[in-house]
Amino acid sequence: MNLDGKKKRARGSMKYGRTSKTKKAIVQLTADSADIEIFEGL
């Protein structure tokens, strides 16, 4: 998913700017998927 940046006020003034755009990935794991190393040992 491509997400637009959020609207934020700039340094106390009444002007608005935007934060950077971001990307998100949705991952579906199955029973046959390999283990994710980060979550080993938790």
C-alpha atoms as a PDB file:
ATOM      1  CA  MET A   1       0.000   0.000   0.000  1.00  0.00           C
ATOM      2  CA  ASN A   2       1.256   3.472  -0.811  1.00  0.00           C
ATOM      3  CA  LEU A   3       0.230   5.967   1.877  1.00  0.00           C
ATOM      4  CA  ASP A   4       0.314   9.745   1.557  1.00  0.00           C
ATOM      5  CA  GLY A   5       2.029  11.807   4.244  1.00  0.00           C
ATOM      6  CA  LYS A   6       0.065  13.305   7.107  1.00  0.00           C
ATOM      7  CA  LYS A   7      -0.760  17.003   7.252  1.00  0.00           C
ATOM      8  CA  LYS A   8       1.240  18.717  10.030  1.00  0.00           C
ATOM      9  CA  ARG A   9       1.602  22.292  11.245  1.00  0.00           C
ATOM     10  CA  ALA A  10       5.031  23.737  10.531  1.00  0.00           C
ATOM     11  CA  ARG A  11       6.971  25.041  13.560  1.00  0.00           C
ATOM     12  CA  GLY A  12       4.263  26.935  15.398  1.00  0.00           C
ATOM     13  CA  SER A  13       3.124  28.966  12.397  1.00  0.00           C
ATOM     14  CA  MET A  14      -0.243  28.657  10.760  1.00  0.00           C
ATOM     15  CA  LYS A  15       1.297  27.090   7.646  1.00  0.00           C
ATOM     16  CA  TYR A  16       0.847  23.408   6.953  1.00  0.00           C
ATOM     17  CA  GLY A  17       3.236  20.885   5.481  1.00  0.00           C
ATOM     18  CA  ARG A  18       3.188  17.167   4.894  1.00  0.00           C
ATOM     19  CA  THR A  19       5.266  14.313   6.247  1.00  0.00           C
ATOM     20  CA  SER A  20       6.948  11.889   3.847  1.00  0.00           C
ATOM     21  CA  LYS A  21       4.966   9.292   1.949  1.00  0.00           C
ATOM     22  CA  THR A  22       5.283   5.727   3.231  1.00  0.00           C
ATOM     23  CA  LYS A  23       4.793   2.212   1.915  1.00  0.00           C
ATOM     24  CA  LYS A  24       3.309  -0.734   3.802  1.00  0.00           C
ATOM     25  CA  ALA A  25       3.394  -4.401   2.886  1.00  0.00           C
ATOM     26  CA  ILE A  26       0.765  -6.891   3.981  1.00  0.00           C
ATOM     27  CA  VAL A  27       2.269 -10.373   4.295  1.00  0.00           C
ATOM     28  CA  GLN A  28       0.259 -13.535   4.787  1.00  0.00           C
ATOM     29  CA  LEU A  29       2.091 -16.527   6.208  1.00  0.00           C
ATOM     30  CA  THR A  30       1.044 -20.135   5.786  1.00  0.00           C
ATOM     31  CA  ALA A  31       1.910 -23.206   7.823  1.00  0.00           C
ATOM     32  CA  ASP A  32       4.639 -24.024   5.268  1.00  0.00           C
ATOM     33  CA  SER A  33       6.285 -20.563   5.470  1.00  0.00           C
ATOM     34  CA  ALA A  34       9.829 -20.292   6.784  1.00  0.00           C
ATOM     35  CA  ASP A  35      10.295 -18.920  10.308  1.00  0.00           C
ATOM     36  CA  ILE A  36      11.066 -15.217  10.722  1.00  0.00           C
ATOM     37  CA  GLU A  37      14.429 -14.920  12.520  1.00  0.00           C
ATOM     38  CA  ILE A  38      13.466 -11.760  14.447  1.00  0.00           C
ATOM     39  CA  PHE A  39      10.717 -13.607  16.337  1.00  0.00           C
ATOM     40  CA  GLU A  40      12.756 -16.672  17.277  1.00  0.00           C
ATOM     41  CA  GLY A  41      13.239 -17.039  21.027  1.00  0.00           C
ATOM     42  CA  LEU A  42      10.328 -14.840  22.096  1.00  0.00           C
END
